[in-house]
Amino acid sequence: AARADTPYAWVFNVEDKEPAIREVEIERNIYKLLFNAGNRVFMSGSLGFQNVAAYLMLKEFEVRDLTAVLEAVRYDFDRRKVDLILIRSLEE
């Protein structure tokens, strides 16, 4: 309740499910938050170390998404639900 009025409330606003699934959703939401922050820094246009760090962070998230897609194919996960496990949405 105390976190409901913060800009980060959506990170922890997951449905009550099994603890393991809830943990995965919170972790994914944290990665999405970091992805959006890194994208803002990278697209700011200012030159500096922060842009290099943001670029590397964005690339790490791309690798995580590629790994998730490959594992989904490997383990015959429902391909219509792959978007649910990605950091960056397929529609972006």
PDB file of N, CA and C in Angstrom:
ATOM      1  N   ALA A   1       0.821  -1.190   0.000  1.00  0.00           N
ATOM      2  CA  ALA A   1       0.000   0.000   0.000  1.00  0.00           C
ATOM      3  C   ALA A   1       0.861   1.248   0.000  1.00  0.00           C
ATOM      4  N   ALA A   2       1.954   1.240   0.737  1.00  0.00           N
ATOM      5  CA  ALA A   2       2.814   2.419   0.802  1.00  0.00           C
ATOM      6  C   ALA A   2       3.496   2.675  -0.536  1.00  0.00           C
ATOM      7  N   ARG A   3       3.712   1.657  -1.328  1.00  0.00           N
ATOM      8  CA  ARG A   3       4.395   1.839  -2.603  1.00  0.00           C
ATOM      9  C   ARG A   3       3.436   2.150  -3.745  1.00  0.00           C
ATOM     10  N   ALA A   4       2.133   2.167  -3.485  1.00  0.00           N
ATOM     11  CA  ALA A   4       1.133   2.350  -4.540  1.00  0.00           C
ATOM     12  C   ALA A   4       1.195   3.733  -5.175  1.00  0.00           C
ATOM     13  N   ASP A   5       1.701   4.729  -4.468  1.00  0.00           N
ATOM     14  CA  ASP A   5       1.737   6.081  -5.017  1.00  0.00           C
ATOM     15  C   ASP A   5       3.105   6.453  -5.581  1.00  0.00           C
ATOM     16  N   THR A   6       3.947   5.475  -5.839  1.00  0.00           N
ATOM     17  CA  THR A   6       5.262   5.749  -6.418  1.00  0.00           C
ATOM     18  C   THR A   6       5.257   5.417  -7.905  1.00  0.00           C
ATOM     19  N   PRO A   7       6.218   5.963  -8.653  1.00  0.00           N
ATOM     20  CA  PRO A   7       6.285   5.634 -10.083  1.00  0.00           C
ATOM     21  C   PRO A   7       6.714   4.188 -10.353  1.00  0.00           C
ATOM     22  N   TYR A   8       7.105   3.479  -9.310  1.00  0.00           N
ATOM     23  CA  TYR A   8       7.577   2.104  -9.465  1.00  0.00           C
ATOM     24  C   TYR A   8       6.540   1.078  -9.027  1.00  0.00           C
ATOM     25  N   ALA A   9       5.339   1.511  -8.751  1.00  0.00           N
ATOM     26  CA  ALA A   9       4.302   0.601  -8.261  1.00  0.00           C
ATOM     27  C   ALA A   9       4.025  -0.526  -9.250  1.00  0.00           C
ATOM     28  N   TRP A  10       4.076  -0.233 -10.545  1.00  0.00           N
ATOM     29  CA  TRP A  10       3.777  -1.247 -11.560  1.00  0.00           C
ATOM     30  C   TRP A  10       4.771  -2.408 -11.519  1.00  0.00           C
ATOM     31  N   VAL A  11       5.982  -2.162 -11.026  1.00  0.00           N
ATOM     32  CA  VAL A  11       6.996  -3.220 -10.965  1.00  0.00           C
ATOM     33  C   VAL A  11       6.536  -4.347 -10.044  1.00  0.00           C
ATOM     34  N   PHE A  12       5.913  -3.972  -8.948  1.00  0.00           N
ATOM     35  CA  PHE A  12       5.512  -4.955  -7.947  1.00  0.00           C
ATOM     36  C   PHE A  12       4.039  -5.316  -8.037  1.00  0.00           C
ATOM     37  N   ASN A  13       3.328  -4.729  -8.959  1.00  0.00           N
ATOM     38  CA  ASN A  13       1.904  -4.976  -9.110  1.00  0.00           C
ATOM     39  C   ASN A  13       1.689  -6.208  -9.989  1.00  0.00           C
ATOM     40  N   VAL A  14       1.912  -7.371  -9.413  1.00  0.00           N
ATOM     41  CA  VAL A  14       1.695  -8.632 -10.123  1.00  0.00           C
ATOM     42  C   VAL A  14       0.574  -9.374  -9.423  1.00  0.00           C
ATOM     43  N   GLU A  15      -0.132 -10.142 -10.207  1.00  0.00           N
ATOM     44  CA  GLU A  15      -1.255 -10.899  -9.649  1.00  0.00           C
ATOM     45  C   GLU A  15      -0.742 -11.938  -8.663  1.00  0.00           C
ATOM     46  N   ASP A  16      -1.581 -12.254  -7.708  1.00  0.00           N
ATOM     47  CA  ASP A  16      -1.210 -13.278  -6.726  1.00  0.00           C
ATOM     48  C   ASP A  16      -1.229 -14.640  -7.396  1.00  0.00           C
ATOM     49  N   LYS A  17      -0.051 -15.152  -7.631  1.00  0.00           N
ATOM     50  CA  LYS A  17       0.123 -16.459  -8.254  1.00  0.00           C
ATOM     51  C   LYS A  17       1.067 -17.256  -7.371  1.00  0.00           C
ATOM     52  N   GLU A  18       1.573 -18.322  -7.932  1.00  0.00           N
ATOM     53  CA  GLU A  18       2.584 -19.085  -7.213  1.00  0.00           C
ATOM     54  C   GLU A  18       3.766 -18.171  -6.936  1.00  0.00           C
ATOM     55  N   PRO A  19       4.442 -18.354  -5.802  1.00  0.00           N
ATOM     56  CA  PRO A  19       5.580 -17.480  -5.486  1.00  0.00           C
ATOM     57  C   PRO A  19       6.669 -17.481  -6.561  1.00  0.00           C
ATOM     58  N   ALA A  20       6.926 -18.629  -7.180  1.00  0.00           N
ATOM     59  CA  ALA A  20       7.974 -18.700  -8.202  1.00  0.00           C
ATOM     60  C   ALA A  20       7.593 -17.878  -9.432  1.00  0.00           C
ATOM     61  N   ILE A  21       6.344 -17.960  -9.848  1.00  0.00           N
ATOM     62  CA  ILE A  21       5.888 -17.199 -11.015  1.00  0.00           C
ATOM     63  C   ILE A  21       5.871 -15.710 -10.685  1.00  0.00           C
ATOM     64  N   ARG A  22       5.424 -15.375  -9.494  1.00  0.00           N
ATOM     65  CA  ARG A  22       5.391 -13.975  -9.058  1.00  0.00           C
ATOM     66  C   ARG A  22       6.799 -13.395  -9.053  1.00  0.00           C
ATOM     67  N   GLU A  23       7.753 -14.168  -8.581  1.00  0.00           N
ATOM     68  CA  GLU A  23       9.149 -13.719  -8.543  1.00  0.00           C
ATOM     69  C   GLU A  23       9.679 -13.459  -9.945  1.00  0.00           C
ATOM     70  N   VAL A  24       9.348 -14.331 -10.887  1.00  0.00           N
ATOM     71  CA  VAL A  24       9.791 -14.157 -12.272  1.00  0.00           C
ATOM     72  C   VAL A  24       9.180 -12.892 -12.872  1.00  0.00           C
ATOM     73  N   GLU A  25       7.901 -12.640 -12.584  1.00  0.00           N
ATOM     74  CA  GLU A  25       7.254 -11.436 -13.111  1.00  0.00           C
ATOM     75  C   GLU A  25       7.865 -10.174 -12.530  1.00  0.00           C
ATOM     76  N   ILE A  26       8.159 -10.179 -11.245  1.00  0.00           N
ATOM     77  CA  ILE A  26       8.786  -9.001 -10.631  1.00  0.00           C
ATOM     78  C   ILE A  26      10.173  -8.780 -11.218  1.00  0.00           C
ATOM     79  N   GLU A  27      10.935  -9.858 -11.396  1.00  0.00           N
ATOM     80  CA  GLU A  27      12.265  -9.739 -11.986  1.00  0.00           C
ATOM     81  C   GLU A  27      12.179  -9.166 -13.402  1.00  0.00           C
ATOM     82  N   ARG A  28      11.229  -9.667 -14.199  1.00  0.00           N
ATOM     83  CA  ARG A  28      11.050  -9.153 -15.559  1.00  0.00           C
ATOM     84  C   ARG A  28      10.672  -7.679 -15.539  1.00  0.00           C
ATOM     85  N   ASN A  29       9.803  -7.287 -14.614  1.00  0.00           N
ATOM     86  CA  ASN A  29       9.402  -5.883 -14.518  1.00  0.00           C
ATOM     87  C   ASN A  29      10.579  -4.986 -14.118  1.00  0.00           C
ATOM     88  N   ILE A  30      11.437  -5.483 -13.239  1.00  0.00           N
ATOM     89  CA  ILE A  30      12.634  -4.714 -12.874  1.00  0.00           C
ATOM     90  C   ILE A  30      13.526  -4.545 -14.091  1.00  0.00           C
ATOM     91  N   TYR A  31      13.691  -5.613 -14.875  1.00  0.00           N
ATOM     92  CA  TYR A  31      14.497  -5.503 -16.096  1.00  0.00           C
ATOM     93  C   TYR A  31      13.874  -4.517 -17.077  1.00  0.00           C
ATOM     94  N   LYS A  32      12.546  -4.508 -17.175  1.00  0.00           N
ATOM     95  CA  LYS A  32      11.882  -3.542 -18.057  1.00  0.00           C
ATOM     96  C   LYS A  32      12.129  -2.111 -17.584  1.00  0.00           C
ATOM     97  N   LEU A  33      12.071  -1.910 -16.274  1.00  0.00           N
ATOM     98  CA  LEU A  33      12.342  -0.593 -15.710  1.00  0.00           C
ATOM     99  C   LEU A  33      13.768  -0.157 -16.040  1.00  0.00           C
ATOM    100  N   LEU A  34      14.733  -1.060 -15.861  1.00  0.00           N
ATOM    101  CA  LEU A  34      16.125  -0.744 -16.178  1.00  0.00           C
ATOM    102  C   LEU A  34      16.317  -0.530 -17.675  1.00  0.00           C
ATOM    103  N   PHE A  35      15.619  -1.319 -18.501  1.00  0.00           N
ATOM    104  CA  PHE A  35      15.704  -1.143 -19.949  1.00  0.00           C
ATOM    105  C   PHE A  35      15.210   0.247 -20.343  1.00  0.00           C
ATOM    106  N   ASN A  36      14.073   0.653 -19.800  1.00  0.00           N
ATOM    107  CA  ASN A  36      13.530   1.973 -20.133  1.00  0.00           C
ATOM    108  C   ASN A  36      14.459   3.091 -19.665  1.00  0.00           C
ATOM    109  N   ALA A  37      15.037   2.945 -18.481  1.00  0.00           N
ATOM    110  CA  ALA A  37      15.968   3.952 -17.972  1.00  0.00           C
ATOM    111  C   ALA A  37      17.223   4.005 -18.838  1.00  0.00           C
ATOM    112  N   GLY A  38      17.752   2.849 -19.178  1.00  0.00           N
ATOM    113  CA  GLY A  38      18.935   2.809 -20.044  1.00  0.00           C
ATOM    114  C   GLY A  38      18.661   3.377 -21.411  1.00  0.00           C
ATOM    115  N   ASN A  39      17.486   3.110 -21.938  1.00  0.00           N
ATOM    116  CA  ASN A  39      17.118   3.635 -23.253  1.00  0.00           C
ATOM    117  C   ASN A  39      17.024   5.162 -23.218  1.00  0.00           C
ATOM    118  N   ARG A  40      16.455   5.703 -22.148  1.00  0.00           N
ATOM    119  CA  ARG A  40      16.368   7.168 -22.010  1.00  0.00           C
ATOM    120  C   ARG A  40      17.759   7.786 -21.959  1.00  0.00           C
ATOM    121  N   VAL A  41      18.665   7.178 -21.195  1.00  0.00           N
ATOM    122  CA  VAL A  41      20.031   7.699 -21.088  1.00  0.00           C
ATOM    123  C   VAL A  41      20.723   7.619 -22.437  1.00  0.00           C
ATOM    124  N   PHE A  42      20.600   6.476 -23.099  1.00  0.00           N
ATOM    125  CA  PHE A  42      21.281   6.289 -24.383  1.00  0.00           C
ATOM    126  C   PHE A  42      20.753   7.247 -25.442  1.00  0.00           C
ATOM    127  N   MET A  43      19.439   7.475 -25.454  1.00  0.00           N
ATOM    128  CA  MET A  43      18.841   8.341 -26.464  1.00  0.00           C
ATOM    129  C   MET A  43      18.949   9.827 -26.125  1.00  0.00           C
ATOM    130  N   SER A  44      19.495  10.158 -24.956  1.00  0.00           N
ATOM    131  CA  SER A  44      19.593  11.563 -24.547  1.00  0.00           C
ATOM    132  C   SER A  44      20.527  12.354 -25.450  1.00  0.00           C
ATOM    133  N   GLY A  45      21.465  11.678 -26.075  1.00  0.00           N
ATOM    134  CA  GLY A  45      22.352  12.353 -27.011  1.00  0.00           C
ATOM    135  C   GLY A  45      23.610  12.915 -26.382  1.00  0.00           C
ATOM    136  N   SER A  46      23.685  12.947 -25.074  1.00  0.00           N
ATOM    137  CA  SER A  46      24.896  13.457 -24.440  1.00  0.00           C
ATOM    138  C   SER A  46      25.993  12.401 -24.522  1.00  0.00           C
ATOM    139  N   LEU A  47      27.213  12.867 -24.696  1.00  0.00           N
ATOM    140  CA  LEU A  47      28.340  11.947 -24.791  1.00  0.00           C
ATOM    141  C   LEU A  47      28.972  11.775 -23.427  1.00  0.00           C
ATOM    142  N   GLY A  48      29.320  10.575 -23.115  1.00  0.00           N
ATOM    143  CA  GLY A  48      29.966  10.310 -21.838  1.00  0.00           C
ATOM    144  C   GLY A  48      29.904   8.845 -21.486  1.00  0.00           C
ATOM    145  N   PHE A  49      30.458   8.547 -20.327  1.00  0.00           N
ATOM    146  CA  PHE A  49      30.497   7.164 -19.874  1.00  0.00           C
ATOM    147  C   PHE A  49      29.102   6.585 -19.688  1.00  0.00           C
ATOM    148  N   GLN A  50      28.147   7.437 -19.283  1.00  0.00           N
ATOM    149  CA  GLN A  50      26.786   6.947 -19.047  1.00  0.00           C
ATOM    150  C   GLN A  50      26.181   6.365 -20.319  1.00  0.00           C
ATOM    151  N   ASN A  51      26.535   6.911 -21.486  1.00  0.00           N
ATOM    152  CA  ASN A  51      26.017   6.364 -22.742  1.00  0.00           C
ATOM    153  C   ASN A  51      26.619   4.994 -23.045  1.00  0.00           C
ATOM    154  N   VAL A  52      27.891   4.835 -22.749  1.00  0.00           N
ATOM    155  CA  VAL A  52      28.542   3.536 -22.960  1.00  0.00           C
ATOM    156  C   VAL A  52      27.918   2.498 -22.031  1.00  0.00           C
ATOM    157  N   ALA A  53      27.732   2.865 -20.760  1.00  0.00           N
ATOM    158  CA  ALA A  53      27.132   1.941 -19.799  1.00  0.00           C
ATOM    159  C   ALA A  53      25.698   1.601 -20.202  1.00  0.00           C
ATOM    160  N   ALA A  54      24.939   2.598 -20.650  1.00  0.00           N
ATOM    161  CA  ALA A  54      23.555   2.355 -21.073  1.00  0.00           C
ATOM    162  C   ALA A  54      23.522   1.446 -22.297  1.00  0.00           C
ATOM    163  N   TYR A  55      24.417   1.675 -23.250  1.00  0.00           N
ATOM    164  CA  TYR A  55      24.472   0.845 -24.459  1.00  0.00           C
ATOM    165  C   TYR A  55      24.763  -0.612 -24.090  1.00  0.00           C
ATOM    166  N   LEU A  56      25.740  -0.815 -23.214  1.00  0.00           N
ATOM    167  CA  LEU A  56      26.084  -2.179 -22.807  1.00  0.00           C
ATOM    168  C   LEU A  56      24.927  -2.843 -22.059  1.00  0.00           C
ATOM    169  N   MET A  57      24.236  -2.070 -21.245  1.00  0.00           N
ATOM    170  CA  MET A  57      23.092  -2.610 -20.521  1.00  0.00           C
ATOM    171  C   MET A  57      21.984  -3.005 -21.502  1.00  0.00           C
ATOM    172  N   LEU A  58      21.723  -2.171 -22.509  1.00  0.00           N
ATOM    173  CA  LEU A  58      20.703  -2.487 -23.507  1.00  0.00           C
ATOM    174  C   LEU A  58      21.062  -3.753 -24.288  1.00  0.00           C
ATOM    175  N   LYS A  59      22.338  -3.893 -24.607  1.00  0.00           N
ATOM    176  CA  LYS A  59      22.777  -5.100 -25.317  1.00  0.00           C
ATOM    177  C   LYS A  59      22.623  -6.343 -24.450  1.00  0.00           C
ATOM    178  N   GLU A  60      22.885  -6.202 -23.147  1.00  0.00           N
ATOM    179  CA  GLU A  60      22.696  -7.335 -22.240  1.00  0.00           C
ATOM    180  C   GLU A  60      21.238  -7.772 -22.225  1.00  0.00           C
ATOM    181  N   PHE A  61      20.318  -6.811 -22.231  1.00  0.00           N
ATOM    182  CA  PHE A  61      18.897  -7.147 -22.242  1.00  0.00           C
ATOM    183  C   PHE A  61      18.489  -7.789 -23.559  1.00  0.00           C
ATOM    184  N   GLU A  62      19.091  -7.374 -24.667  1.00  0.00           N
ATOM    185  CA  GLU A  62      18.814  -8.032 -25.947  1.00  0.00           C
ATOM    186  C   GLU A  62      19.264  -9.481 -25.918  1.00  0.00           C
ATOM    187  N   VAL A  63      20.426  -9.728 -25.338  1.00  0.00           N
ATOM    188  CA  VAL A  63      20.933 -11.102 -25.231  1.00  0.00           C
ATOM    189  C   VAL A  63      20.006 -11.938 -24.348  1.00  0.00           C
ATOM    190  N   ARG A  64      19.518 -11.358 -23.249  1.00  0.00           N
ATOM    191  CA  ARG A  64      18.582 -12.075 -22.379  1.00  0.00           C
ATOM    192  C   ARG A  64      17.302 -12.440 -23.141  1.00  0.00           C
ATOM    193  N   ASP A  65      16.808 -11.494 -23.946  1.00  0.00           N
ATOM    194  CA  ASP A  65      15.602 -11.771 -24.725  1.00  0.00           C
ATOM    195  C   ASP A  65      15.849 -12.845 -25.776  1.00  0.00           C
ATOM    196  N   LEU A  66      16.989 -12.777 -26.443  1.00  0.00           N
ATOM    197  CA  LEU A  66      17.313 -13.809 -27.439  1.00  0.00           C
ATOM    198  C   LEU A  66      17.418 -15.174 -26.780  1.00  0.00           C
ATOM    199  N   THR A  67      18.028 -15.231 -25.620  1.00  0.00           N
ATOM    200  CA  THR A  67      18.138 -16.485 -24.888  1.00  0.00           C
ATOM    201  C   THR A  67      16.754 -17.006 -24.507  1.00  0.00           C
ATOM    202  N   ALA A  68      15.874 -16.101 -24.085  1.00  0.00           N
ATOM    203  CA  ALA A  68      14.512 -16.506 -23.718  1.00  0.00           C
ATOM    204  C   ALA A  68      13.763 -17.069 -24.919  1.00  0.00           C
ATOM    205  N   VAL A  69      13.922 -16.441 -26.081  1.00  0.00           N
ATOM    206  CA  VAL A  69      13.261 -16.937 -27.290  1.00  0.00           C
ATOM    207  C   VAL A  69      13.810 -18.306 -27.673  1.00  0.00           C
ATOM    208  N   LEU A  70      15.122 -18.458 -27.631  1.00  0.00           N
ATOM    209  CA  LEU A  70      15.728 -19.749 -27.977  1.00  0.00           C
ATOM    210  C   LEU A  70      15.281 -20.849 -27.014  1.00  0.00           C
ATOM    211  N   GLU A  71      15.216 -20.533 -25.732  1.00  0.00           N
ATOM    212  CA  GLU A  71      14.748 -21.530 -24.767  1.00  0.00           C
ATOM    213  C   GLU A  71      13.272 -21.845 -24.967  1.00  0.00           C
ATOM    214  N   ALA A  72      12.490 -20.850 -25.337  1.00  0.00           N
ATOM    215  CA  ALA A  72      11.063 -21.089 -25.590  1.00  0.00           C
ATOM    216  C   ALA A  72      10.880 -22.044 -26.761  1.00  0.00           C
ATOM    217  N   VAL A  73      11.684 -21.870 -27.794  1.00  0.00           N
ATOM    218  CA  VAL A  73      11.609 -22.770 -28.945  1.00  0.00           C
ATOM    219  C   VAL A  73      12.120 -24.159 -28.554  1.00  0.00           C
ATOM    220  N   ARG A  74      13.226 -24.166 -27.836  1.00  0.00           N
ATOM    221  CA  ARG A  74      13.833 -25.441 -27.453  1.00  0.00           C
ATOM    222  C   ARG A  74      12.896 -26.289 -26.595  1.00  0.00           C
ATOM    223  N   TYR A  75      12.204 -25.649 -25.655  1.00  0.00           N
ATOM    224  CA  TYR A  75      11.337 -26.383 -24.744  1.00  0.00           C
ATOM    225  C   TYR A  75       9.877 -26.369 -25.178  1.00  0.00           C
ATOM    226  N   ASP A  76       9.636 -25.994 -26.424  1.00  0.00           N
ATOM    227  CA  ASP A  76       8.307 -26.021 -27.032  1.00  0.00           C
ATOM    228  C   ASP A  76       7.282 -25.221 -26.221  1.00  0.00           C
ATOM    229  N   PHE A  77       7.703 -24.027 -25.812  1.00  0.00           N
ATOM    230  CA  PHE A  77       6.820 -23.111 -25.092  1.00  0.00           C
ATOM    231  C   PHE A  77       5.813 -22.534 -26.079  1.00  0.00           C
ATOM    232  N   ASP A  78       4.619 -22.242 -25.612  1.00  0.00           N
ATOM    233  CA  ASP A  78       3.585 -21.665 -26.471  1.00  0.00           C
ATOM    234  C   ASP A  78       4.100 -20.355 -27.064  1.00  0.00           C
ATOM    235  N   ARG A  79       4.279 -20.326 -28.373  1.00  0.00           N
ATOM    236  CA  ARG A  79       4.910 -19.166 -29.023  1.00  0.00           C
ATOM    237  C   ARG A  79       4.059 -17.915 -28.951  1.00  0.00           C
ATOM    238  N   ARG A  80       2.762 -18.056 -28.733  1.00  0.00           N
ATOM    239  CA  ARG A  80       1.906 -16.877 -28.587  1.00  0.00           C
ATOM    240  C   ARG A  80       2.132 -16.190 -27.253  1.00  0.00           C
ATOM    241  N   LYS A  81       2.737 -16.893 -26.296  1.00  0.00           N
ATOM    242  CA  LYS A  81       2.967 -16.329 -24.969  1.00  0.00           C
ATOM    243  C   LYS A  81       4.419 -15.919 -24.737  1.00  0.00           C
ATOM    244  N   VAL A  82       5.251 -16.017 -25.760  1.00  0.00           N
ATOM    245  CA  VAL A  82       6.659 -15.670 -25.611  1.00  0.00           C
ATOM    246  C   VAL A  82       6.818 -14.212 -25.205  1.00  0.00           C
ATOM    247  N   ASP A  83       5.959 -13.353 -25.697  1.00  0.00           N
ATOM    248  CA  ASP A  83       6.046 -11.927 -25.382  1.00  0.00           C
ATOM    249  C   ASP A  83       5.943 -11.677 -23.874  1.00  0.00           C
ATOM    250  N   LEU A  84       5.319 -12.587 -23.151  1.00  0.00           N
ATOM    251  CA  LEU A  84       5.149 -12.415 -21.709  1.00  0.00           C
ATOM    252  C   LEU A  84       6.455 -12.566 -20.940  1.00  0.00           C
ATOM    253  N   ILE A  85       7.434 -13.255 -21.524  1.00  0.00           N
ATOM    254  CA  ILE A  85       8.689 -13.482 -20.816  1.00  0.00           C
ATOM    255  C   ILE A  85       9.812 -12.580 -21.288  1.00  0.00           C
ATOM    256  N   LEU A  86       9.534 -11.731 -22.269  1.00  0.00           N
ATOM    257  CA  LEU A  86      10.573 -10.857 -22.806  1.00  0.00           C
ATOM    258  C   LEU A  86      10.662  -9.550 -22.040  1.00  0.00           C
ATOM    259  N   ILE A  87      11.852  -8.999 -22.005  1.00  0.00           N
ATOM    260  CA  ILE A  87      12.072  -7.692 -21.401  1.00  0.00           C
ATOM    261  C   ILE A  87      11.542  -6.605 -22.332  1.00  0.00           C
ATOM    262  N   ARG A  88      11.888  -6.714 -23.575  1.00  0.00           N
ATOM    263  CA  ARG A  88      11.426  -5.764 -24.575  1.00  0.00           C
ATOM    264  C   ARG A  88      10.277  -6.408 -25.346  1.00  0.00           C
ATOM    265  N   SER A  89       9.173  -5.735 -25.404  1.00  0.00           N
ATOM    266  CA  SER A  89       7.980  -6.291 -26.056  1.00  0.00           C
ATOM    267  C   SER A  89       8.223  -6.475 -27.551  1.00  0.00           C
ATOM    268  N   LEU A  90       7.543  -7.445 -28.133  1.00  0.00           N
ATOM    269  CA  LEU A  90       7.668  -7.684 -29.576  1.00  0.00           C
ATOM    270  C   LEU A  90       7.084  -6.543 -30.398  1.00  0.00           C
ATOM    271  N   GLU A  91       6.190  -5.777 -29.811  1.00  0.00           N
ATOM    272  CA  GLU A  91       5.546  -4.678 -30.538  1.00  0.00           C
ATOM    273  C   GLU A  91       6.396  -3.428 -30.600  1.00  0.00           C
ATOM    274  N   GLU A  92       7.500  -3.378 -29.864  1.00  0.00           N
ATOM    275  CA  GLU A  92       8.359  -2.178 -29.873  1.00  0.00           C
ATOM    276  C   GLU A  92       9.230  -2.146 -31.094  1.00  0.00           C
TER     277      GLU A  92
END
